[in-house]
Amino acid sequence: MEREREKATHEVLIDDARVRVTRWDFAPGAETGWHRHGMDYVITTITPCAFHLEMPGGETVRNNLEAGVSYRRDEGVEHNVINGGDKPMSFVEVELK
């Protein structure tokens, strides 16, 4: 039986007619839980981030990014984001409405 992971915490900073801005904070090993993005989005790392992404079909992707790196993805991405490192990690997600 797989053990349950700690959940990442998040705080919505802005939610208006055009964008939703959310800060995500992860303890080592914490996860978002499975989710599907309903909007295009941009991520900017606040700290170095050791992303471990669980993808549909059992695929996993690991990506280590330095602080201050941004990337964008299209609506429809489905995954579980996990802090695969041994230090806390944080990023800001901007969803485009």
C-alpha atoms as a PDB file:
ATOM      1  CA  MET A   1       0.000   0.000   0.000  1.00  0.00           C
ATOM      2  CA  GLU A   2       1.345   3.424  -0.989  1.00  0.00           C
ATOM      3  CA  ARG A   3       1.744   5.847   1.890  1.00  0.00           C
ATOM      4  CA  GLU A   4      -0.098   9.128   1.720  1.00  0.00           C
ATOM      5  CA  ARG A   5       2.054  12.198   1.100  1.00  0.00           C
ATOM      6  CA  GLU A   6       1.790  15.511   2.903  1.00  0.00           C
ATOM      7  CA  LYS A   7      -0.174  18.066   0.861  1.00  0.00           C
ATOM      8  CA  ALA A   8       1.429  21.228  -0.479  1.00  0.00           C
ATOM      9  CA  THR A   9      -0.106  24.454   0.793  1.00  0.00           C
ATOM     10  CA  HIS A  10      -1.309  27.270  -1.404  1.00  0.00           C
ATOM     11  CA  GLU A  11      -2.577  30.809  -1.089  1.00  0.00           C
ATOM     12  CA  VAL A  12      -4.544  32.625  -3.781  1.00  0.00           C
ATOM     13  CA  LEU A  13      -2.965  36.089  -4.043  1.00  0.00           C
ATOM     14  CA  ILE A  14      -5.097  37.529  -6.867  1.00  0.00           C
ATOM     15  CA  ASP A  15      -8.307  36.238  -8.422  1.00  0.00           C
ATOM     16  CA  ASP A  16      -9.988  38.675 -10.782  1.00  0.00           C
ATOM     17  CA  ALA A  17     -11.587  38.663 -14.236  1.00  0.00           C
ATOM     18  CA  ARG A  18      -8.249  38.165 -16.036  1.00  0.00           C
ATOM     19  CA  VAL A  19      -5.897  36.071 -13.843  1.00  0.00           C
ATOM     20  CA  ARG A  20      -5.628  33.863 -10.785  1.00  0.00           C
ATOM     21  CA  VAL A  21      -2.260  34.088  -9.012  1.00  0.00           C
ATOM     22  CA  THR A  22      -1.449  31.366  -6.478  1.00  0.00           C
ATOM     23  CA  ARG A  23       1.642  30.799  -4.346  1.00  0.00           C
ATOM     24  CA  TRP A  24       2.468  27.121  -3.733  1.00  0.00           C
ATOM     25  CA  ASP A  25       4.709  25.903  -0.872  1.00  0.00           C
ATOM     26  CA  PHE A  26       5.939  22.317  -0.558  1.00  0.00           C
ATOM     27  CA  ALA A  27       7.734  20.578   2.284  1.00  0.00           C
ATOM     28  CA  PRO A  28      10.121  17.866   1.046  1.00  0.00           C
ATOM     29  CA  GLY A  29       7.980  15.044  -0.367  1.00  0.00           C
ATOM     30  CA  ALA A  30       4.735  17.077  -0.355  1.00  0.00           C
ATOM     31  CA  GLU A  31       2.352  16.917  -3.323  1.00  0.00           C
ATOM     32  CA  THR A  32      -0.446  18.917  -4.933  1.00  0.00           C
ATOM     33  CA  GLY A  33      -2.540  15.828  -5.604  1.00  0.00           C
ATOM     34  CA  TRP A  34      -3.804  14.907  -9.062  1.00  0.00           C
ATOM     35  CA  HIS A  35      -5.326  17.826 -10.950  1.00  0.00           C
ATOM     36  CA  ARG A  36      -6.100  19.034 -14.474  1.00  0.00           C
ATOM     37  CA  HIS A  37      -5.384  22.638 -15.415  1.00  0.00           C
ATOM     38  CA  GLY A  38      -8.493  24.377 -16.707  1.00  0.00           C
ATOM     39  CA  MET A  39      -6.557  27.415 -17.962  1.00  0.00           C
ATOM     40  CA  ASP A  40      -3.244  28.232 -19.630  1.00  0.00           C
ATOM     41  CA  TYR A  41      -0.701  29.031 -16.917  1.00  0.00           C
ATOM     42  CA  VAL A  42       2.768  30.370 -16.140  1.00  0.00           C
ATOM     43  CA  ILE A  43       4.955  29.119 -13.277  1.00  0.00           C
ATOM     44  CA  THR A  44       7.797  31.170 -11.730  1.00  0.00           C
ATOM     45  CA  THR A  45       9.999  29.465  -9.162  1.00  0.00           C
ATOM     46  CA  ILE A  46      10.690  31.378  -5.940  1.00  0.00           C
ATOM     47  CA  THR A  47      13.180  28.829  -4.595  1.00  0.00           C
ATOM     48  CA  PRO A  48      15.125  26.117  -6.372  1.00  0.00           C
ATOM     49  CA  CYS A  49      12.519  23.475  -7.225  1.00  0.00           C
ATOM     50  CA  ALA A  50      13.074  19.714  -7.542  1.00  0.00           C
ATOM     51  CA  PHE A  51       9.911  18.884  -9.491  1.00  0.00           C
ATOM     52  CA  HIS A  52       8.813  15.247  -9.595  1.00  0.00           C
ATOM     53  CA  LEU A  53       5.764  15.068 -11.836  1.00  0.00           C
ATOM     54  CA  GLU A  54       3.484  12.057 -11.966  1.00  0.00           C
ATOM     55  CA  MET A  55       1.761  11.988 -15.358  1.00  0.00           C
ATOM     56  CA  PRO A  56      -1.233  10.018 -16.670  1.00  0.00           C
ATOM     57  CA  GLY A  57      -0.354   6.477 -17.696  1.00  0.00           C
ATOM     58  CA  GLY A  58       2.308   6.088 -14.997  1.00  0.00           C
ATOM     59  CA  GLU A  59       5.000   8.265 -16.604  1.00  0.00           C
ATOM     60  CA  THR A  60       7.153  10.361 -14.259  1.00  0.00           C
ATOM     61  CA  VAL A  61       9.168  13.445 -15.126  1.00  0.00           C
ATOM     62  CA  ARG A  62      11.871  15.031 -12.980  1.00  0.00           C
ATOM     63  CA  ASN A  63      13.021  18.584 -13.505  1.00  0.00           C
ATOM     64  CA  ASN A  64      15.303  20.658 -11.281  1.00  0.00           C
ATOM     65  CA  LEU A  65      14.941  24.410 -11.737  1.00  0.00           C
ATOM     66  CA  GLU A  66      16.805  27.270 -10.104  1.00  0.00           C
ATOM     67  CA  ALA A  67      14.961  30.114  -8.371  1.00  0.00           C
ATOM     68  CA  GLY A  68      13.558  32.763 -10.717  1.00  0.00           C
ATOM     69  CA  VAL A  69      12.860  30.473 -13.697  1.00  0.00           C
ATOM     70  CA  SER A  70       9.553  30.800 -15.569  1.00  0.00           C
ATOM     71  CA  TYR A  71       7.750  28.465 -17.969  1.00  0.00           C
ATOM     72  CA  ARG A  72       4.245  28.210 -19.431  1.00  0.00           C
ATOM     73  CA  ARG A  73       1.870  25.369 -20.208  1.00  0.00           C
ATOM     74  CA  ASP A  74      -1.427  25.097 -22.041  1.00  0.00           C
ATOM     75  CA  GLU A  75      -4.821  24.333 -20.547  1.00  0.00           C
ATOM     76  CA  GLY A  76      -5.464  20.611 -20.120  1.00  0.00           C
ATOM     77  CA  VAL A  77      -2.217  19.521 -18.461  1.00  0.00           C
ATOM     78  CA  GLU A  78      -2.940  16.767 -15.933  1.00  0.00           C
ATOM     79  CA  HIS A  79      -0.434  15.747 -13.272  1.00  0.00           C
ATOM     80  CA  ASN A  80       0.525  15.428  -9.613  1.00  0.00           C
ATOM     81  CA  VAL A  81       3.364  17.781  -8.619  1.00  0.00           C
ATOM     82  CA  ILE A  82       5.685  16.477  -5.883  1.00  0.00           C
ATOM     83  CA  ASN A  83       8.692  18.084  -4.212  1.00  0.00           C
ATOM     84  CA  GLY A  84      11.311  15.482  -5.082  1.00  0.00           C
ATOM     85  CA  GLY A  85      14.062  17.258  -3.142  1.00  0.00           C
ATOM     86  CA  ASP A  86      15.172  17.419   0.465  1.00  0.00           C
ATOM     87  CA  LYS A  87      14.476  21.154   0.960  1.00  0.00           C
ATOM     88  CA  PRO A  88      11.225  23.152   0.925  1.00  0.00           C
ATOM     89  CA  MET A  89      10.266  24.583  -2.484  1.00  0.00           C
ATOM     90  CA  SER A  90       7.943  27.395  -3.578  1.00  0.00           C
ATOM     91  CA  PHE A  91       6.598  28.790  -6.819  1.00  0.00           C
ATOM     92  CA  VAL A  92       3.952  31.188  -8.087  1.00  0.00           C
ATOM     93  CA  GLU A  93       1.374  30.028 -10.608  1.00  0.00           C
ATOM     94  CA  VAL A  94      -0.414  32.586 -12.815  1.00  0.00           C
ATOM     95  CA  GLU A  95      -3.502  31.182 -14.542  1.00  0.00           C
ATOM     96  CA  LEU A  96      -4.729  33.126 -17.580  1.00  0.00           C
ATOM     97  CA  LYS A  97      -8.511  33.425 -17.753  1.00  0.00           C
END
